[in-house]
Protein backbone atom coordinates (compact mmCIF):
# COMPACT_ATOMS: atom_id res chain seq x y z
CA UNK A 1 14.64 57.17 6.92
CA UNK A 2 15.99 59.81 4.52
CA UNK A 3 14.09 62.66 2.96
CA UNK A 4 11.84 61.83 -0.01
CA UNK A 5 13.55 62.72 -3.28
CA UNK A 6 11.98 64.66 -6.18
CA UNK A 7 13.71 64.90 -9.55
CA UNK A 8 12.52 67.83 -11.67
CA UNK A 9 13.33 67.82 -15.39
CA UNK A 10 13.01 71.06 -17.34
CA UNK A 11 14.85 73.30 -19.71
CA UNK A 12 14.98 75.40 -22.81
CA UNK A 13 13.09 78.52 -21.75
CA UNK A 14 11.94 80.46 -18.72
CA UNK A 15 8.40 79.27 -19.50
CA UNK A 16 9.48 75.76 -18.48
CA UNK A 17 11.87 76.76 -15.71
CA UNK A 18 9.81 79.27 -13.70
CA UNK A 19 7.00 76.85 -12.74
CA UNK A 20 9.69 74.23 -12.06
CA UNK A 21 11.33 76.69 -9.67
CA UNK A 22 8.02 77.29 -7.86
CA UNK A 23 7.58 73.55 -7.32
CA UNK A 24 11.18 73.17 -6.13
CA UNK A 25 10.72 75.92 -3.54
CA UNK A 26 7.51 74.37 -2.21
CA UNK A 27 8.83 70.81 -2.05
CA UNK A 28 12.01 71.88 -0.26
CA UNK A 29 9.81 73.72 2.24
CA UNK A 30 7.87 70.47 2.74
CA UNK A 31 11.05 68.59 3.62
CA UNK A 32 11.86 66.96 0.29
CA UNK A 33 15.25 66.69 -1.35
CA UNK A 34 15.07 68.25 -4.82
CA UNK A 35 17.31 67.81 -7.84
CA UNK A 36 16.89 69.64 -11.16
CA UNK A 37 17.95 67.96 -14.40
CA UNK A 38 18.46 70.40 -17.27
CA UNK A 39 20.98 71.28 -19.98
CA UNK A 40 23.42 74.16 -20.46
CA UNK A 41 20.71 76.38 -21.98
CA UNK A 42 18.27 75.69 -19.16
CA UNK A 43 21.00 76.24 -16.58
CA UNK A 44 20.88 79.95 -17.42
CA UNK A 45 17.49 80.14 -15.69
CA UNK A 46 18.54 78.44 -12.45
CA UNK A 47 19.72 81.58 -10.64
CA UNK A 48 16.41 81.90 -8.79
CA UNK A 49 16.29 78.28 -7.61
CA UNK A 50 16.92 77.74 -3.90
CA UNK A 51 20.58 77.01 -3.13
CA UNK A 52 19.64 73.65 -1.66
CA UNK A 53 18.42 72.45 -5.08
CA UNK A 54 20.92 70.03 -6.61
CA UNK A 55 21.41 70.92 -10.28
CA UNK A 56 22.73 68.41 -12.82
CA UNK A 57 23.16 68.82 -16.57
CA UNK A 58 21.84 66.04 -18.77
CA UNK A 59 22.82 65.31 -22.35
CA UNK A 60 19.94 66.02 -24.72
CA UNK A 61 19.26 67.51 -28.15
CA UNK A 62 16.51 68.62 -30.50
CA UNK A 63 15.70 67.48 -34.01
CA UNK A 64 14.15 70.88 -34.74
CA UNK A 65 17.30 72.99 -34.99
CA UNK A 66 20.73 72.83 -36.58
CA UNK A 67 22.07 71.34 -39.80
CA UNK A 68 21.99 67.77 -41.04
CA UNK A 69 24.93 66.71 -38.88
CA UNK A 70 23.36 68.16 -35.71
CA UNK A 71 20.07 66.42 -36.46
CA UNK A 72 21.85 63.13 -37.19
CA UNK A 73 23.61 63.31 -33.84
CA UNK A 74 20.47 64.20 -31.87
CA UNK A 75 19.26 60.61 -31.54
CA UNK A 76 22.52 59.17 -30.17
CA UNK A 77 22.92 62.16 -27.87
CA UNK A 78 19.43 61.70 -26.41
CA UNK A 79 19.99 57.94 -26.03
CA UNK A 80 23.22 58.61 -24.18
CA UNK A 81 21.47 61.08 -21.90
CA UNK A 82 18.71 58.58 -21.08
CA UNK A 83 21.23 55.82 -20.35
CA UNK A 84 23.33 58.05 -18.12
CA UNK A 85 20.24 59.25 -16.23
CA UNK A 86 19.01 55.67 -15.77
CA UNK A 87 22.39 54.73 -14.26
CA UNK A 88 22.12 57.70 -11.86
CA UNK A 89 18.58 56.69 -10.87
CA UNK A 90 19.68 53.13 -10.12
CA UNK A 91 22.20 54.53 -7.64
CA UNK A 92 19.89 57.23 -6.23
CA UNK A 93 16.26 56.41 -7.02
CA UNK A 94 13.82 59.33 -7.04
CA UNK A 95 10.46 58.94 -5.37
CA UNK A 96 8.83 61.02 -8.12
CA UNK A 97 10.01 62.55 -11.42
CA UNK A 98 8.24 65.66 -12.76
CA UNK A 99 8.87 66.99 -16.27
CA UNK A 100 8.10 70.57 -17.28
CA UNK A 101 8.77 70.28 -21.01
CA UNK A 102 11.66 71.10 -23.28
CA UNK A 103 14.14 68.64 -24.79
CA UNK A 104 16.31 68.64 -21.63
CA UNK A 105 13.48 66.81 -19.84
CA UNK A 106 13.75 63.76 -22.15
CA UNK A 107 16.63 61.96 -20.34
CA UNK A 108 14.94 62.02 -16.92
CA UNK A 109 11.46 61.15 -18.18
CA UNK A 110 12.84 58.50 -20.51
CA UNK A 111 14.87 56.86 -17.74
CA UNK A 112 11.95 57.05 -15.28
CA UNK A 113 9.72 55.36 -17.86
CA UNK A 114 12.26 52.55 -18.34
CA UNK A 115 12.63 52.03 -14.59
CA UNK A 116 8.91 52.44 -13.84
CA UNK A 117 9.49 55.31 -11.42
CA UNK A 118 6.35 57.40 -10.60
CA UNK A 119 6.27 60.36 -12.97
CA UNK A 120 4.09 63.23 -14.17
CA UNK A 121 4.42 66.27 -16.41
CA UNK A 122 3.28 69.88 -16.21
CA UNK A 123 2.21 71.67 -19.39
CA UNK A 124 2.14 75.47 -19.30
CA UNK A 125 0.17 76.00 -22.53
CA UNK A 126 -3.21 74.86 -23.84
CA UNK A 127 -1.46 72.73 -26.49
CA UNK A 128 1.13 70.17 -25.39
CA UNK A 129 4.71 70.88 -26.40
CA UNK A 130 6.53 68.24 -28.44
CA UNK A 131 8.22 66.52 -25.51
CA UNK A 132 5.14 66.57 -23.30
CA UNK A 133 3.14 65.20 -26.23
CA UNK A 134 5.60 62.30 -26.38
CA UNK A 135 5.25 61.45 -22.69
CA UNK A 136 1.60 62.39 -22.01
CA UNK A 137 0.35 58.80 -22.18
CA UNK A 138 3.43 57.43 -20.42
CA UNK A 139 2.98 59.33 -17.15
CA UNK A 140 0.44 59.00 -14.35
CA UNK A 141 -0.75 62.59 -14.59
CA UNK A 142 -0.61 65.65 -16.85
CA UNK A 143 -0.85 68.79 -14.73
CA UNK A 144 -2.40 71.44 -16.98
CA UNK A 145 -1.54 75.11 -16.62
CA UNK A 146 -4.33 76.15 -19.01
CA UNK A 147 -7.80 74.65 -18.96
CA UNK A 148 -8.98 73.09 -21.12
CA UNK A 149 -5.76 71.58 -22.55
CA UNK A 150 -5.81 69.49 -25.70
CA UNK A 151 -4.66 66.04 -24.55
CA UNK A 152 -4.13 62.85 -26.55
CA UNK A 153 -6.47 59.91 -25.98
CA UNK A 154 -5.41 57.94 -22.94
CA UNK A 155 -3.75 60.86 -21.12
CA UNK A 156 -5.04 61.82 -17.67
CA UNK A 157 -5.19 65.59 -17.14
CA UNK A 158 -5.76 67.70 -14.04
CA UNK A 159 -6.11 71.48 -14.01
CA UNK A 160 -3.51 72.93 -11.66
CA UNK A 161 -2.94 76.30 -13.30
CA UNK A 162 0.43 77.95 -13.88
CA UNK A 163 2.36 79.04 -10.80
CA UNK A 164 2.80 82.83 -10.69
CA UNK A 165 5.49 84.87 -8.99
CA UNK A 166 5.05 86.31 -5.49
CA UNK A 167 4.46 89.88 -6.74
CA UNK A 168 1.39 88.65 -8.65
CA UNK A 169 0.10 86.59 -5.72
CA UNK A 170 0.28 89.70 -3.53
CA UNK A 171 -2.32 91.30 -5.83
CA UNK A 172 -4.65 88.32 -6.13
CA UNK A 173 -8.22 89.57 -6.68
CA UNK A 174 -7.14 93.20 -6.21
CA UNK A 175 -10.27 95.42 -6.24
CA UNK A 176 -11.15 96.52 -9.77
CA UNK A 177 -12.05 100.15 -10.50
CA UNK A 178 -14.47 100.09 -13.46
CA UNK A 179 -13.97 102.57 -16.30
CA UNK A 180 -15.57 105.97 -15.89
CA UNK A 181 -15.23 109.73 -16.31
CA UNK A 182 -11.78 109.84 -14.73
CA UNK A 183 -8.20 108.75 -15.64
CA UNK A 184 -8.17 105.17 -16.91
CA UNK A 185 -5.15 102.92 -17.45
CA UNK A 186 -4.48 100.54 -20.33
CA UNK A 187 -1.59 98.08 -20.01
CA UNK A 188 -0.14 96.77 -23.29
CA UNK A 189 2.07 93.66 -23.17
CA UNK A 190 3.43 91.91 -26.24
CA UNK A 191 6.11 89.50 -25.12
CA UNK A 192 9.59 89.44 -26.64
CA UNK A 193 8.55 87.74 -29.91
CA UNK A 194 5.12 89.16 -30.46
CA UNK A 195 5.40 92.82 -29.47
CA UNK A 196 5.80 94.29 -32.98
CA UNK A 197 2.19 93.93 -34.12
CA UNK A 198 0.90 95.51 -30.90
CA UNK A 199 3.24 98.44 -31.43
CA UNK A 200 1.85 98.72 -34.97
CA UNK A 201 -1.83 98.52 -34.01
CA UNK A 202 -2.50 99.67 -30.46
CA UNK A 203 -1.33 103.32 -30.69
CA UNK A 204 -3.47 103.88 -33.78
CA UNK A 205 -6.48 102.21 -32.17
CA UNK A 206 -6.23 104.40 -29.08
CA UNK A 207 -5.83 107.50 -31.25
CA UNK A 208 -9.03 106.49 -33.09
CA UNK A 209 -11.11 106.44 -29.91
CA UNK A 210 -13.77 109.14 -29.41
CA UNK A 211 -12.24 112.35 -28.01
CA UNK A 212 -14.16 112.23 -24.74
CA UNK A 213 -12.85 108.70 -24.09
CA UNK A 214 -9.30 109.16 -25.33
CA UNK A 215 -8.73 112.21 -23.14
CA UNK A 216 -9.09 110.06 -19.99
CA UNK A 217 -6.68 107.30 -21.06
CA UNK A 218 -3.16 106.69 -19.75
CA UNK A 219 -1.13 103.97 -21.46
CA UNK A 220 1.71 101.76 -20.22
CA UNK A 221 3.07 100.06 -23.34
CA UNK A 222 5.80 97.41 -23.47
CA UNK A 223 7.55 97.77 -26.82
CA UNK A 224 10.77 96.37 -28.20
CA UNK A 225 13.78 98.70 -28.22
CA UNK A 226 13.64 99.12 -31.99
CA UNK A 227 9.97 100.20 -31.82
CA UNK A 228 10.04 102.34 -28.68
CA UNK A 229 10.96 105.66 -30.32
CA UNK A 230 8.24 105.57 -32.99
CA UNK A 231 5.60 104.35 -30.52
CA UNK A 232 6.52 107.07 -28.03
CA UNK A 233 6.43 109.67 -30.80
CA UNK A 234 3.04 108.54 -32.07
CA UNK A 235 1.44 108.77 -28.65
CA UNK A 236 2.97 112.22 -28.08
CA UNK A 237 1.87 113.49 -31.50
CA UNK A 238 -1.71 112.48 -30.72
CA UNK A 239 -1.77 113.96 -27.23
CA UNK A 240 -2.00 110.57 -25.49
CA UNK A 241 -0.26 110.21 -22.14
CA UNK A 242 1.89 107.10 -22.45
CA UNK A 243 4.89 105.44 -20.87
CA UNK A 244 6.73 103.20 -23.31
CA UNK A 245 9.44 100.78 -22.18
CA UNK A 246 10.86 97.47 -23.36
CA UNK A 247 10.03 95.94 -19.99
CA UNK A 248 8.17 97.04 -16.88
CA UNK A 249 9.57 95.67 -13.62
CA UNK A 250 6.26 96.38 -11.88
CA UNK A 251 3.78 94.66 -14.22
CA UNK A 252 1.71 93.24 -11.32
CA UNK A 253 1.14 96.75 -9.90
CA UNK A 254 0.32 98.21 -13.30
CA UNK A 255 -2.03 95.35 -14.11
CA UNK A 256 -3.88 95.71 -10.80
CA UNK A 257 -4.40 99.43 -11.51
CA UNK A 258 -5.49 98.94 -15.14
CA UNK A 259 -9.04 99.17 -16.44
CA UNK A 260 -8.02 97.09 -19.48
CA UNK A 261 -5.11 94.85 -20.51
CA UNK A 262 -4.19 94.37 -24.18
CA UNK A 263 -1.85 91.43 -24.53
CA UNK A 264 -0.58 88.40 -26.34
CA UNK A 265 -1.85 85.20 -24.73
CA UNK A 266 1.32 83.56 -23.52
CA UNK A 267 0.76 81.18 -20.61
CA UNK A 268 2.32 83.44 -17.98
CA UNK A 269 0.39 86.52 -19.18
CA UNK A 270 -2.91 84.62 -19.08
CA UNK A 271 -2.06 83.35 -15.59
CA UNK A 272 -1.28 86.86 -14.31
CA UNK A 273 -4.44 88.35 -15.84
CA UNK A 274 -6.66 85.65 -14.32
CA UNK A 275 -5.07 85.70 -10.85
CA UNK A 276 -5.33 89.49 -10.55
CA UNK A 277 -8.65 89.55 -12.43
CA UNK A 278 -8.72 92.14 -15.22
CA UNK A 279 -10.68 92.58 -18.47
CA UNK A 280 -8.43 91.90 -21.43
CA UNK A 281 -8.22 91.94 -25.19
CA UNK A 282 -6.04 89.01 -26.22
CA UNK A 283 -4.28 88.76 -29.57
CA UNK A 284 -2.72 85.30 -29.89
CA UNK A 285 0.72 85.11 -31.50
CA UNK A 286 -0.08 83.39 -34.82
CA UNK A 287 3.41 81.89 -35.18
CA UNK A 288 3.30 80.13 -31.79
CA UNK A 289 3.92 76.39 -32.10
CA UNK A 290 0.66 74.52 -32.58
CA UNK A 291 -1.21 77.84 -32.27
CA UNK A 292 -1.00 77.29 -28.53
CA UNK A 293 -1.67 80.94 -27.68
CA UNK A 294 -5.17 80.61 -29.10
CA UNK A 295 -5.68 77.59 -26.84
CA UNK A 296 -4.27 79.60 -23.92
CA UNK A 297 -6.87 82.32 -24.45
CA UNK A 298 -9.80 79.93 -24.77
CA UNK A 299 -10.65 79.57 -21.08
CA UNK A 300 -10.65 83.32 -20.40
CA UNK A 301 -12.76 84.02 -23.49
CA UNK A 302 -15.30 81.27 -22.75
CA UNK A 303 -15.66 82.53 -19.18
CA UNK A 304 -16.42 86.03 -20.47
CA UNK A 305 -13.25 87.58 -19.07
CA UNK A 306 -11.53 88.38 -22.34
CA UNK A 307 -12.12 89.35 -25.95
CA UNK A 308 -9.94 87.51 -28.48
CA UNK A 309 -8.95 89.03 -31.82
CA UNK A 310 -7.08 86.65 -34.15
CA UNK A 311 -4.08 88.21 -35.87
CA UNK A 312 -5.53 87.66 -39.34
CA UNK A 313 -8.49 89.95 -38.61
CA UNK A 314 -6.68 92.47 -36.42
CA UNK A 315 -6.72 96.06 -37.63
CA UNK A 316 -6.88 99.50 -36.05
CA UNK A 317 -10.65 99.88 -36.50
CA UNK A 318 -11.50 96.46 -35.02
CA UNK A 319 -9.24 97.02 -32.02
CA UNK A 320 -10.58 100.54 -31.42
CA UNK A 321 -14.13 99.17 -31.47
CA UNK A 322 -13.34 96.54 -28.83
CA UNK A 323 -11.47 99.00 -26.60
CA UNK A 324 -14.47 101.32 -26.78
CA UNK A 325 -16.89 98.50 -25.94
CA UNK A 326 -15.01 97.75 -22.70
CA UNK A 327 -14.24 101.29 -21.55
CA UNK A 328 -17.71 102.73 -22.18
CA UNK A 329 -19.56 99.98 -20.33
CA UNK A 330 -18.45 99.90 -16.69
CA UNK A 331 -20.92 97.21 -15.67
CA UNK A 332 -19.75 94.86 -18.44
CA UNK A 333 -16.10 95.62 -17.62
CA UNK A 334 -16.73 94.72 -13.98
CA UNK A 335 -18.30 91.43 -15.06
CA UNK A 336 -15.27 90.71 -17.25
CA UNK A 337 -12.95 91.31 -14.28
CA UNK A 338 -14.94 88.88 -12.13
CA UNK A 339 -15.08 86.33 -14.95
CA UNK A 340 -11.30 86.53 -15.45
CA UNK A 341 -10.80 86.00 -11.74
CA UNK A 342 -12.99 82.89 -11.84
CA UNK A 343 -10.48 81.20 -14.16
CA UNK A 344 -7.43 82.00 -12.03
CA UNK A 345 -5.43 79.51 -9.98
CA UNK A 346 -3.47 81.42 -7.33
CA UNK A 347 -2.96 78.08 -5.58
CA UNK A 348 -1.36 76.46 -8.65
CA UNK A 349 1.85 75.62 -6.81
CA UNK A 350 -0.07 73.99 -3.96
CA UNK A 351 -2.07 71.94 -6.47
CA UNK A 352 1.17 70.72 -8.05
CA UNK A 353 2.58 69.82 -4.65
CA UNK A 354 -0.56 67.82 -3.86
CA UNK A 355 -0.25 65.80 -7.08
CA UNK A 356 3.42 65.03 -6.41
CA UNK A 357 2.81 63.91 -2.84
CA UNK A 358 -0.23 61.90 -3.93
CA UNK A 359 1.90 60.12 -6.54
CA UNK A 360 4.58 59.33 -3.95
CA UNK A 361 1.98 57.92 -1.54
CA UNK A 362 0.58 55.60 -4.23
CA UNK A 363 4.05 54.19 -4.77
CA UNK A 364 4.59 53.45 -1.09
CA UNK A 365 1.04 52.17 -0.44
């Protein structure tokens, strides 16, 4: 008897591909054969996949981008991709198909639906993406990276969490040093799209802190290249020790050493914060599709691990007030760290593996 065969469908962004990679690694380790179906854009993120992963490109398209001609051709292109994938599945039938979102996942999920092959999807955010919304009621299970996730009526959801990289797992539940009368670290992370407003607001908020508090603070601030010089200059002009870079390679270390994290609430950031367990001030990216970053932050906020400030009420004074409230109350900060940790899912990959293997067993039972 040959190895069981898992077909993973994902594409578009690293947010879809990284959890797909984590599942591929685990299933290969468990003795499965794994194939990834993606498109040319998604293929750019496959460098980290194990070499034994078979990678195929499927024909797909989006109605959301391009001119009238591109949109007119999207339907036929998707239909062609589904037909081609169905033909492949008839020759080499997967035991399970798992979609991670993005338009490149349509051909595999569409073909698996036609052929009644066991299938599930994983959603990284608290609001389903367009493709996952389409298939949520057509799959056996929706594995949810954020809990709670808004699901359509009739969809079956299970909280698995979002898989995090090994460097984060190594710092799971790292001991938290509460704020006090000694050097304290603040980590500022904005993400590639949403970093500008944090560069506009955070330096001013830290400068507005009481002198006896500000003098103890050290800042690690991720800022876009075009903002780095002015942010660095502002911190220097106000006597604040700060390291400003477009990207920190050692975010897990910096997060584990921080007394406070100020961040957008992208799915991966929320996962890292909850697995390591740190108090945070979350500022959801207002332009995120479906306002999914607000949904991402919900679980941490409801647990008491984070403070959320919507963009439309964010200003220097409000942010300074919240920073002060965390860093001048060590007992409350410690409780926030523990609360954040309670929402984490360091075993997210294992939970995904369990769902896949459970689905395969139901098919063979």
